[in-house]
Amino acid sequence: MNSQLQPEFPVELGLARPQMQYGALCYRFKGETLRVLMVTTRRTGRWILPKGWPMKGRDGAGAAAREAWEEAGVIGTVHASSVGLFFYSKILGKRGPVPCMVQVYPIHVSELADRYPERGERRRKWFSVAKAAKVAGEPDLARLLSLVDLDHLRQMRN
């Protein structure tokens, strides 16, 4: 994993130990241009990567692939090596903000299903990696997207 993609834990999220989540960098190439699939959050409509909590019986890559299916209808090949981490603060009802650390796994998308579990709750859209970084609803996610190694992803799709 590229050490540039492992940020220090942000001070603004407080001193609480971050909760682990797993995210999916769903990608494809249009010619030689990298495209990243993003989804909206259910509550606020911000653009994010599909992500979620650990799942019993699945490793991080498996949990990321499951979230990509549920949130965006992604069918593709998940890679076992992470492309990096990002941090954000999740609002959990009465608990308030909870610091989360998201380990991100790349998924080379071969197909998008028309029917998937959260199809009526979220929007999905392809972006160039530069545009994805601009519209990302979390600053640390934007930073991670701006540091994606295109050559590494090109090699992984083969």
N, C-alpha and C. Protein backbone atom coordinates (compact mmCIF):
# COMPACT_ATOMS: atom_id res chain seq x y z
N MET A 1 0.84 -1.17 0.00
CA MET A 1 0.00 0.00 0.00
C MET A 1 0.89 1.24 0.00
N ASN A 2 0.49 2.24 -0.72
CA ASN A 2 1.24 3.48 -0.83
C ASN A 2 1.14 4.25 0.48
N SER A 3 2.28 4.58 1.10
CA SER A 3 2.27 5.27 2.38
C SER A 3 1.65 6.65 2.29
N GLN A 4 1.60 7.25 1.09
CA GLN A 4 0.95 8.55 0.93
C GLN A 4 -0.54 8.47 1.19
N LEU A 5 -1.11 7.28 1.08
CA LEU A 5 -2.54 7.12 1.25
C LEU A 5 -2.93 6.70 2.66
N GLN A 6 -2.01 6.81 3.60
CA GLN A 6 -2.30 6.47 4.98
C GLN A 6 -2.16 7.74 5.82
N PRO A 7 -3.24 8.53 5.92
CA PRO A 7 -3.15 9.79 6.65
C PRO A 7 -3.06 9.58 8.15
N GLU A 8 -2.56 10.58 8.83
CA GLU A 8 -2.63 10.60 10.28
C GLU A 8 -4.09 10.72 10.66
N PHE A 9 -4.47 10.20 11.83
CA PHE A 9 -5.86 10.33 12.25
C PHE A 9 -6.17 11.80 12.49
N PRO A 10 -7.21 12.33 11.83
CA PRO A 10 -7.51 13.75 11.95
C PRO A 10 -7.89 14.15 13.37
N VAL A 11 -7.26 15.17 13.87
CA VAL A 11 -7.51 15.67 15.22
C VAL A 11 -8.95 16.13 15.38
N GLU A 12 -9.53 16.73 14.32
CA GLU A 12 -10.88 17.26 14.43
C GLU A 12 -11.94 16.20 14.69
N LEU A 13 -11.62 14.92 14.49
CA LEU A 13 -12.59 13.87 14.76
C LEU A 13 -12.54 13.43 16.22
N GLY A 14 -11.69 14.02 17.00
CA GLY A 14 -11.66 13.73 18.43
C GLY A 14 -10.68 12.63 18.78
N LEU A 15 -10.70 12.26 20.06
CA LEU A 15 -9.75 11.28 20.58
C LEU A 15 -10.31 9.86 20.61
N ALA A 16 -11.59 9.69 20.32
CA ALA A 16 -12.18 8.35 20.34
C ALA A 16 -11.53 7.48 19.29
N ARG A 17 -11.42 6.20 19.60
CA ARG A 17 -10.84 5.26 18.65
C ARG A 17 -11.76 5.15 17.44
N PRO A 18 -11.21 5.26 16.23
CA PRO A 18 -12.07 5.19 15.04
C PRO A 18 -12.64 3.79 14.84
N GLN A 19 -13.86 3.73 14.34
CA GLN A 19 -14.52 2.48 13.99
C GLN A 19 -14.13 2.11 12.56
N MET A 20 -13.83 0.85 12.32
CA MET A 20 -13.41 0.40 10.99
C MET A 20 -14.61 0.22 10.08
N GLN A 21 -14.46 0.68 8.85
CA GLN A 21 -15.40 0.40 7.78
C GLN A 21 -14.59 -0.02 6.55
N TYR A 22 -15.30 -0.58 5.57
CA TYR A 22 -14.67 -1.00 4.33
C TYR A 22 -15.39 -0.33 3.17
N GLY A 23 -14.60 0.23 2.25
CA GLY A 23 -15.16 0.95 1.12
C GLY A 23 -14.70 0.35 -0.20
N ALA A 24 -15.43 0.71 -1.26
CA ALA A 24 -15.15 0.19 -2.59
C ALA A 24 -14.83 1.33 -3.55
N LEU A 25 -13.66 1.28 -4.15
CA LEU A 25 -13.31 2.19 -5.24
C LEU A 25 -13.70 1.44 -6.52
N CYS A 26 -14.93 1.69 -6.96
CA CYS A 26 -15.46 1.01 -8.15
C CYS A 26 -14.98 1.79 -9.37
N TYR A 27 -14.27 1.11 -10.25
CA TYR A 27 -13.66 1.82 -11.37
C TYR A 27 -13.80 1.06 -12.67
N ARG A 28 -13.65 1.80 -13.75
CA ARG A 28 -13.54 1.24 -15.09
C ARG A 28 -12.74 2.24 -15.91
N PHE A 29 -12.32 1.82 -17.06
CA PHE A 29 -11.61 2.72 -17.97
C PHE A 29 -12.47 2.95 -19.19
N LYS A 30 -12.58 4.19 -19.59
CA LYS A 30 -13.22 4.54 -20.86
C LYS A 30 -12.06 4.99 -21.74
N GLY A 31 -11.62 4.08 -22.62
CA GLY A 31 -10.36 4.31 -23.32
C GLY A 31 -9.26 4.22 -22.28
N GLU A 32 -8.47 5.24 -22.16
CA GLU A 32 -7.42 5.29 -21.14
C GLU A 32 -7.80 6.16 -19.95
N THR A 33 -9.04 6.66 -19.94
CA THR A 33 -9.50 7.55 -18.87
C THR A 33 -10.14 6.75 -17.75
N LEU A 34 -9.62 6.91 -16.55
CA LEU A 34 -10.18 6.25 -15.37
C LEU A 34 -11.50 6.91 -15.00
N ARG A 35 -12.53 6.10 -14.77
CA ARG A 35 -13.83 6.56 -14.30
C ARG A 35 -14.10 5.89 -12.96
N VAL A 36 -14.63 6.66 -12.01
CA VAL A 36 -14.91 6.19 -10.66
C VAL A 36 -16.42 6.30 -10.43
N LEU A 37 -17.01 5.23 -9.90
CA LEU A 37 -18.44 5.23 -9.59
C LEU A 37 -18.64 5.71 -8.16
N MET A 38 -19.49 6.72 -8.03
CA MET A 38 -19.83 7.22 -6.69
C MET A 38 -21.33 7.09 -6.49
N VAL A 39 -21.73 7.06 -5.22
CA VAL A 39 -23.14 6.99 -4.86
C VAL A 39 -23.45 8.12 -3.90
N THR A 40 -24.72 8.45 -3.79
CA THR A 40 -25.11 9.47 -2.82
C THR A 40 -25.44 8.81 -1.49
N THR A 41 -25.27 9.59 -0.42
CA THR A 41 -25.70 9.12 0.89
C THR A 41 -27.23 9.13 0.90
N ARG A 42 -27.81 8.32 1.75
CA ARG A 42 -29.27 8.26 1.81
C ARG A 42 -29.86 9.51 2.46
N ARG A 43 -29.21 10.02 3.48
CA ARG A 43 -29.78 11.12 4.25
C ARG A 43 -29.51 12.49 3.64
N THR A 44 -28.26 12.76 3.25
CA THR A 44 -27.90 14.12 2.82
C THR A 44 -27.65 14.27 1.33
N GLY A 45 -27.51 13.17 0.61
CA GLY A 45 -27.28 13.24 -0.83
C GLY A 45 -25.86 13.62 -1.24
N ARG A 46 -24.90 13.54 -0.28
CA ARG A 46 -23.50 13.81 -0.62
C ARG A 46 -22.94 12.64 -1.43
N TRP A 47 -21.94 12.93 -2.29
CA TRP A 47 -21.30 11.90 -3.10
C TRP A 47 -20.21 11.21 -2.30
N ILE A 48 -20.25 9.88 -2.26
CA ILE A 48 -19.29 9.06 -1.51
C ILE A 48 -18.98 7.79 -2.30
N LEU A 49 -18.06 6.99 -1.78
CA LEU A 49 -17.85 5.64 -2.28
C LEU A 49 -18.76 4.70 -1.51
N PRO A 50 -19.20 3.60 -2.10
CA PRO A 50 -19.94 2.60 -1.32
C PRO A 50 -19.06 2.13 -0.16
N LYS A 51 -19.65 2.06 1.01
CA LYS A 51 -18.88 1.64 2.19
C LYS A 51 -19.82 1.14 3.27
N GLY A 52 -19.25 0.41 4.23
CA GLY A 52 -20.07 -0.08 5.33
C GLY A 52 -19.24 -0.78 6.39
N TRP A 53 -19.94 -1.33 7.36
CA TRP A 53 -19.33 -1.96 8.52
C TRP A 53 -18.77 -3.34 8.18
N PRO A 54 -17.87 -3.86 9.02
CA PRO A 54 -17.38 -5.23 8.83
C PRO A 54 -18.54 -6.22 8.82
N MET A 55 -18.36 -7.33 8.13
CA MET A 55 -19.39 -8.36 8.01
C MET A 55 -18.82 -9.70 8.44
N LYS A 56 -19.58 -10.39 9.25
CA LYS A 56 -19.17 -11.71 9.71
C LYS A 56 -18.96 -12.62 8.50
N GLY A 57 -17.83 -13.31 8.47
CA GLY A 57 -17.53 -14.25 7.40
C GLY A 57 -16.93 -13.62 6.15
N ARG A 58 -16.70 -12.29 6.16
CA ARG A 58 -16.10 -11.62 5.00
C ARG A 58 -14.88 -10.82 5.44
N ASP A 59 -13.85 -10.86 4.61
CA ASP A 59 -12.70 -10.00 4.89
C ASP A 59 -13.04 -8.59 4.38
N GLY A 60 -12.09 -7.67 4.48
CA GLY A 60 -12.34 -6.29 4.07
C GLY A 60 -12.74 -6.16 2.62
N ALA A 61 -12.04 -6.87 1.74
CA ALA A 61 -12.36 -6.82 0.31
C ALA A 61 -13.76 -7.38 0.05
N GLY A 62 -14.10 -8.46 0.74
CA GLY A 62 -15.42 -9.07 0.58
C GLY A 62 -16.53 -8.16 1.06
N ALA A 63 -16.30 -7.48 2.19
CA ALA A 63 -17.30 -6.54 2.71
C ALA A 63 -17.46 -5.36 1.76
N ALA A 64 -16.35 -4.87 1.20
CA ALA A 64 -16.41 -3.76 0.25
C ALA A 64 -17.20 -4.16 -1.00
N ALA A 65 -16.97 -5.38 -1.49
CA ALA A 65 -17.69 -5.86 -2.66
C ALA A 65 -19.19 -5.98 -2.38
N ARG A 66 -19.52 -6.46 -1.20
CA ARG A 66 -20.95 -6.58 -0.83
C ARG A 66 -21.61 -5.21 -0.77
N GLU A 67 -20.92 -4.22 -0.17
CA GLU A 67 -21.47 -2.86 -0.09
C GLU A 67 -21.64 -2.27 -1.49
N ALA A 68 -20.68 -2.51 -2.38
CA ALA A 68 -20.78 -2.01 -3.75
C ALA A 68 -21.99 -2.59 -4.45
N TRP A 69 -22.28 -3.86 -4.20
CA TRP A 69 -23.46 -4.49 -4.78
C TRP A 69 -24.74 -3.87 -4.21
N GLU A 70 -24.81 -3.80 -2.87
CA GLU A 70 -26.03 -3.31 -2.23
C GLU A 70 -26.32 -1.85 -2.56
N GLU A 71 -25.29 -1.01 -2.56
CA GLU A 71 -25.49 0.43 -2.73
C GLU A 71 -25.49 0.89 -4.18
N ALA A 72 -24.85 0.12 -5.09
CA ALA A 72 -24.72 0.60 -6.47
C ALA A 72 -24.96 -0.46 -7.53
N GLY A 73 -25.22 -1.69 -7.16
CA GLY A 73 -25.46 -2.74 -8.16
C GLY A 73 -24.22 -3.15 -8.92
N VAL A 74 -23.05 -3.03 -8.29
CA VAL A 74 -21.77 -3.31 -8.95
C VAL A 74 -21.53 -4.81 -9.05
N ILE A 75 -21.18 -5.23 -10.26
CA ILE A 75 -20.72 -6.58 -10.53
C ILE A 75 -19.31 -6.43 -11.11
N GLY A 76 -18.34 -7.09 -10.50
CA GLY A 76 -16.98 -6.94 -10.99
C GLY A 76 -16.00 -7.74 -10.18
N THR A 77 -14.73 -7.41 -10.35
CA THR A 77 -13.63 -8.13 -9.68
C THR A 77 -13.05 -7.26 -8.59
N VAL A 78 -13.16 -7.73 -7.36
CA VAL A 78 -12.57 -7.00 -6.22
C VAL A 78 -11.13 -7.48 -6.04
N HIS A 79 -10.26 -6.56 -5.71
CA HIS A 79 -8.85 -6.88 -5.49
C HIS A 79 -8.56 -6.89 -3.99
N ALA A 80 -7.75 -7.83 -3.58
CA ALA A 80 -7.50 -8.06 -2.16
C ALA A 80 -6.61 -6.99 -1.51
N SER A 81 -5.88 -6.22 -2.31
CA SER A 81 -5.01 -5.21 -1.72
C SER A 81 -5.70 -3.85 -1.72
N SER A 82 -5.64 -3.20 -0.58
CA SER A 82 -6.27 -1.89 -0.39
C SER A 82 -5.50 -0.81 -1.15
N VAL A 83 -6.22 0.22 -1.59
CA VAL A 83 -5.58 1.37 -2.22
C VAL A 83 -5.37 2.52 -1.23
N GLY A 84 -5.83 2.35 0.00
CA GLY A 84 -5.61 3.38 1.01
C GLY A 84 -6.74 3.50 2.01
N LEU A 85 -6.63 4.52 2.82
CA LEU A 85 -7.56 4.80 3.92
C LEU A 85 -8.08 6.22 3.82
N PHE A 86 -9.28 6.43 4.35
CA PHE A 86 -9.71 7.79 4.61
C PHE A 86 -10.52 7.79 5.90
N PHE A 87 -10.58 8.96 6.51
CA PHE A 87 -11.29 9.14 7.77
C PHE A 87 -12.46 10.09 7.57
N TYR A 88 -13.52 9.86 8.33
CA TYR A 88 -14.65 10.79 8.34
C TYR A 88 -15.39 10.61 9.65
N SER A 89 -16.32 11.48 9.91
CA SER A 89 -17.12 11.43 11.12
C SER A 89 -18.55 11.06 10.73
N LYS A 90 -19.04 9.93 11.25
CA LYS A 90 -20.39 9.46 10.93
C LYS A 90 -21.33 9.83 12.08
N ILE A 91 -22.47 10.38 11.73
CA ILE A 91 -23.47 10.73 12.73
C ILE A 91 -24.34 9.50 12.96
N LEU A 92 -24.35 9.01 14.20
CA LEU A 92 -25.13 7.83 14.55
C LEU A 92 -26.21 8.21 15.57
N GLY A 93 -27.30 8.75 15.09
CA GLY A 93 -28.45 9.07 15.93
C GLY A 93 -28.08 9.81 17.20
N LYS A 94 -28.52 9.30 18.33
CA LYS A 94 -28.29 9.96 19.63
C LYS A 94 -26.83 9.90 20.07
N ARG A 95 -26.07 8.97 19.50
CA ARG A 95 -24.63 8.87 19.84
C ARG A 95 -23.86 10.06 19.31
N GLY A 96 -24.41 10.69 18.27
CA GLY A 96 -23.71 11.81 17.66
C GLY A 96 -22.60 11.35 16.76
N PRO A 97 -21.56 12.18 16.57
CA PRO A 97 -20.50 11.83 15.63
C PRO A 97 -19.60 10.71 16.16
N VAL A 98 -19.31 9.77 15.28
CA VAL A 98 -18.41 8.66 15.59
C VAL A 98 -17.29 8.69 14.55
N PRO A 99 -16.02 8.73 14.98
CA PRO A 99 -14.94 8.72 14.00
C PRO A 99 -14.84 7.35 13.33
N CYS A 100 -14.71 7.37 12.01
CA CYS A 100 -14.60 6.13 11.23
C CYS A 100 -13.36 6.18 10.34
N MET A 101 -12.74 5.02 10.21
CA MET A 101 -11.61 4.83 9.32
C MET A 101 -12.06 3.84 8.25
N VAL A 102 -11.95 4.23 6.98
CA VAL A 102 -12.43 3.39 5.88
C VAL A 102 -11.24 2.86 5.09
N GLN A 103 -11.10 1.54 5.07
CA GLN A 103 -10.09 0.86 4.25
C GLN A 103 -10.72 0.64 2.89
N VAL A 104 -10.10 1.13 1.81
CA VAL A 104 -10.71 1.12 0.48
C VAL A 104 -10.07 0.07 -0.42
N TYR A 105 -10.94 -0.74 -1.03
CA TYR A 105 -10.52 -1.80 -1.94
C TYR A 105 -11.01 -1.50 -3.35
N PRO A 106 -10.16 -1.67 -4.34
CA PRO A 106 -10.59 -1.42 -5.73
C PRO A 106 -11.43 -2.57 -6.28
N ILE A 107 -12.44 -2.20 -7.06
CA ILE A 107 -13.27 -3.17 -7.76
C ILE A 107 -13.34 -2.75 -9.21
N HIS A 108 -12.82 -3.61 -10.10
CA HIS A 108 -12.93 -3.34 -11.53
C HIS A 108 -14.34 -3.75 -11.95
N VAL A 109 -15.14 -2.77 -12.36
CA VAL A 109 -16.55 -2.99 -12.66
C VAL A 109 -16.71 -3.55 -14.07
N SER A 110 -17.39 -4.68 -14.16
CA SER A 110 -17.69 -5.27 -15.46
C SER A 110 -19.13 -4.98 -15.88
N GLU A 111 -19.98 -4.73 -14.89
CA GLU A 111 -21.40 -4.52 -15.18
C GLU A 111 -22.07 -3.80 -14.01
N LEU A 112 -23.12 -3.03 -14.31
CA LEU A 112 -23.97 -2.44 -13.28
C LEU A 112 -25.37 -3.03 -13.43
N ALA A 113 -25.88 -3.63 -12.37
CA ALA A 113 -27.21 -4.21 -12.40
C ALA A 113 -28.27 -3.11 -12.36
N ASP A 114 -29.38 -3.37 -13.01
CA ASP A 114 -30.51 -2.43 -12.96
C ASP A 114 -31.28 -2.57 -11.65
N ARG A 115 -31.27 -3.78 -11.10
CA ARG A 115 -31.98 -4.04 -9.84
C ARG A 115 -30.96 -4.44 -8.78
N TYR A 116 -30.97 -3.72 -7.66
CA TYR A 116 -30.07 -4.00 -6.54
C TYR A 116 -30.73 -3.48 -5.27
N PRO A 117 -30.28 -3.90 -4.09
CA PRO A 117 -31.02 -3.61 -2.86
C PRO A 117 -31.33 -2.13 -2.58
N GLU A 118 -30.42 -1.21 -2.81
CA GLU A 118 -30.65 0.19 -2.44
C GLU A 118 -30.93 1.09 -3.64
N ARG A 119 -31.44 0.53 -4.73
CA ARG A 119 -31.64 1.30 -5.96
C ARG A 119 -32.59 2.47 -5.79
N GLY A 120 -33.57 2.38 -4.92
CA GLY A 120 -34.51 3.49 -4.71
C GLY A 120 -34.06 4.50 -3.67
N GLU A 121 -32.92 4.25 -3.03
CA GLU A 121 -32.47 5.09 -1.92
C GLU A 121 -31.26 5.97 -2.26
N ARG A 122 -30.56 5.65 -3.35
CA ARG A 122 -29.33 6.35 -3.70
C ARG A 122 -29.29 6.61 -5.19
N ARG A 123 -28.47 7.59 -5.58
CA ARG A 123 -28.13 7.79 -6.99
C ARG A 123 -26.71 7.27 -7.18
N ARG A 124 -26.39 6.85 -8.38
CA ARG A 124 -25.02 6.44 -8.71
C ARG A 124 -24.63 7.16 -9.98
N LYS A 125 -23.33 7.47 -10.08
CA LYS A 125 -22.86 8.21 -11.25
C LYS A 125 -21.37 7.99 -11.43
N TRP A 126 -20.95 7.89 -12.71
CA TRP A 126 -19.53 7.78 -13.06
C TRP A 126 -18.92 9.18 -13.13
N PHE A 127 -17.71 9.32 -12.60
CA PHE A 127 -16.97 10.58 -12.64
C PHE A 127 -15.54 10.30 -13.08
N SER A 128 -14.90 11.29 -13.69
CA SER A 128 -13.45 11.22 -13.84
C SER A 128 -12.90 11.25 -12.43
N VAL A 129 -11.68 10.80 -12.23
CA VAL A 129 -11.12 10.79 -10.87
C VAL A 129 -10.97 12.23 -10.34
N ALA A 130 -10.62 13.19 -11.21
CA ALA A 130 -10.49 14.58 -10.77
C ALA A 130 -11.84 15.14 -10.33
N LYS A 131 -12.89 14.87 -11.10
CA LYS A 131 -14.23 15.34 -10.75
C LYS A 131 -14.73 14.64 -9.50
N ALA A 132 -14.44 13.35 -9.36
CA ALA A 132 -14.85 12.61 -8.17
C ALA A 132 -14.24 13.25 -6.92
N ALA A 133 -12.97 13.63 -7.00
CA ALA A 133 -12.32 14.28 -5.87
C ALA A 133 -13.00 15.61 -5.54
N LYS A 134 -13.44 16.33 -6.57
CA LYS A 134 -14.10 17.63 -6.35
C LYS A 134 -15.48 17.50 -5.72
N VAL A 135 -16.23 16.47 -6.11
CA VAL A 135 -17.60 16.34 -5.60
C VAL A 135 -17.69 15.50 -4.33
N ALA A 136 -16.60 14.86 -3.94
CA ALA A 136 -16.62 13.98 -2.76
C ALA A 136 -17.14 14.72 -1.54
N GLY A 137 -18.05 14.07 -0.82
CA GLY A 137 -18.66 14.67 0.35
C GLY A 137 -17.80 14.67 1.60
N GLU A 138 -16.64 14.07 1.55
CA GLU A 138 -15.71 14.01 2.68
C GLU A 138 -14.34 14.49 2.23
N PRO A 139 -13.75 15.46 2.92
CA PRO A 139 -12.44 16.00 2.51
C PRO A 139 -11.34 14.94 2.42
N ASP A 140 -11.30 14.01 3.35
CA ASP A 140 -10.23 13.00 3.33
C ASP A 140 -10.43 12.01 2.18
N LEU A 141 -11.68 11.75 1.82
CA LEU A 141 -11.97 10.93 0.64
C LEU A 141 -11.48 11.65 -0.62
N ALA A 142 -11.71 12.95 -0.69
CA ALA A 142 -11.24 13.74 -1.84
C ALA A 142 -9.72 13.63 -1.97
N ARG A 143 -9.02 13.68 -0.85
CA ARG A 143 -7.56 13.56 -0.85
C ARG A 143 -7.14 12.19 -1.36
N LEU A 144 -7.79 11.14 -0.88
CA LEU A 144 -7.45 9.79 -1.34
C LEU A 144 -7.68 9.67 -2.84
N LEU A 145 -8.80 10.17 -3.34
CA LEU A 145 -9.09 10.09 -4.78
C LEU A 145 -8.05 10.83 -5.60
N SER A 146 -7.57 11.95 -5.08
CA SER A 146 -6.58 12.73 -5.83
C SER A 146 -5.22 12.03 -5.89
N LEU A 147 -5.02 11.02 -5.05
CA LEU A 147 -3.74 10.30 -5.01
C LEU A 147 -3.80 8.90 -5.63
N VAL A 148 -4.93 8.55 -6.25
CA VAL A 148 -5.07 7.22 -6.84
C VAL A 148 -4.00 7.00 -7.90
N ASP A 149 -3.37 5.84 -7.85
CA ASP A 149 -2.31 5.45 -8.79
C ASP A 149 -2.96 4.82 -10.03
N LEU A 150 -3.10 5.61 -11.09
CA LEU A 150 -3.76 5.14 -12.31
C LEU A 150 -3.05 3.93 -12.93
N ASP A 151 -1.73 3.96 -12.95
CA ASP A 151 -0.98 2.85 -13.55
C ASP A 151 -1.24 1.54 -12.80
N HIS A 152 -1.30 1.63 -11.49
CA HIS A 152 -1.57 0.45 -10.67
C HIS A 152 -2.95 -0.11 -11.00
N LEU A 153 -3.96 0.74 -11.14
CA LEU A 153 -5.31 0.26 -11.49
C LEU A 153 -5.35 -0.32 -12.90
N ARG A 154 -4.60 0.27 -13.82
CA ARG A 154 -4.56 -0.28 -15.18
C ARG A 154 -4.01 -1.70 -15.15
N GLN A 155 -2.98 -1.92 -14.36
CA GLN A 155 -2.37 -3.26 -14.25
C GLN A 155 -3.33 -4.23 -13.60
N MET A 156 -4.11 -3.76 -12.63
CA MET A 156 -5.02 -4.64 -11.89
C MET A 156 -6.19 -5.12 -12.73
N ARG A 157 -6.59 -4.34 -13.72
CA ARG A 157 -7.76 -4.73 -14.53
C ARG A 157 -7.45 -5.88 -15.48
N ASN A 158 -6.17 -6.11 -15.74
CA ASN A 158 -5.79 -7.17 -16.70
C ASN A 158 -5.76 -8.53 -16.04
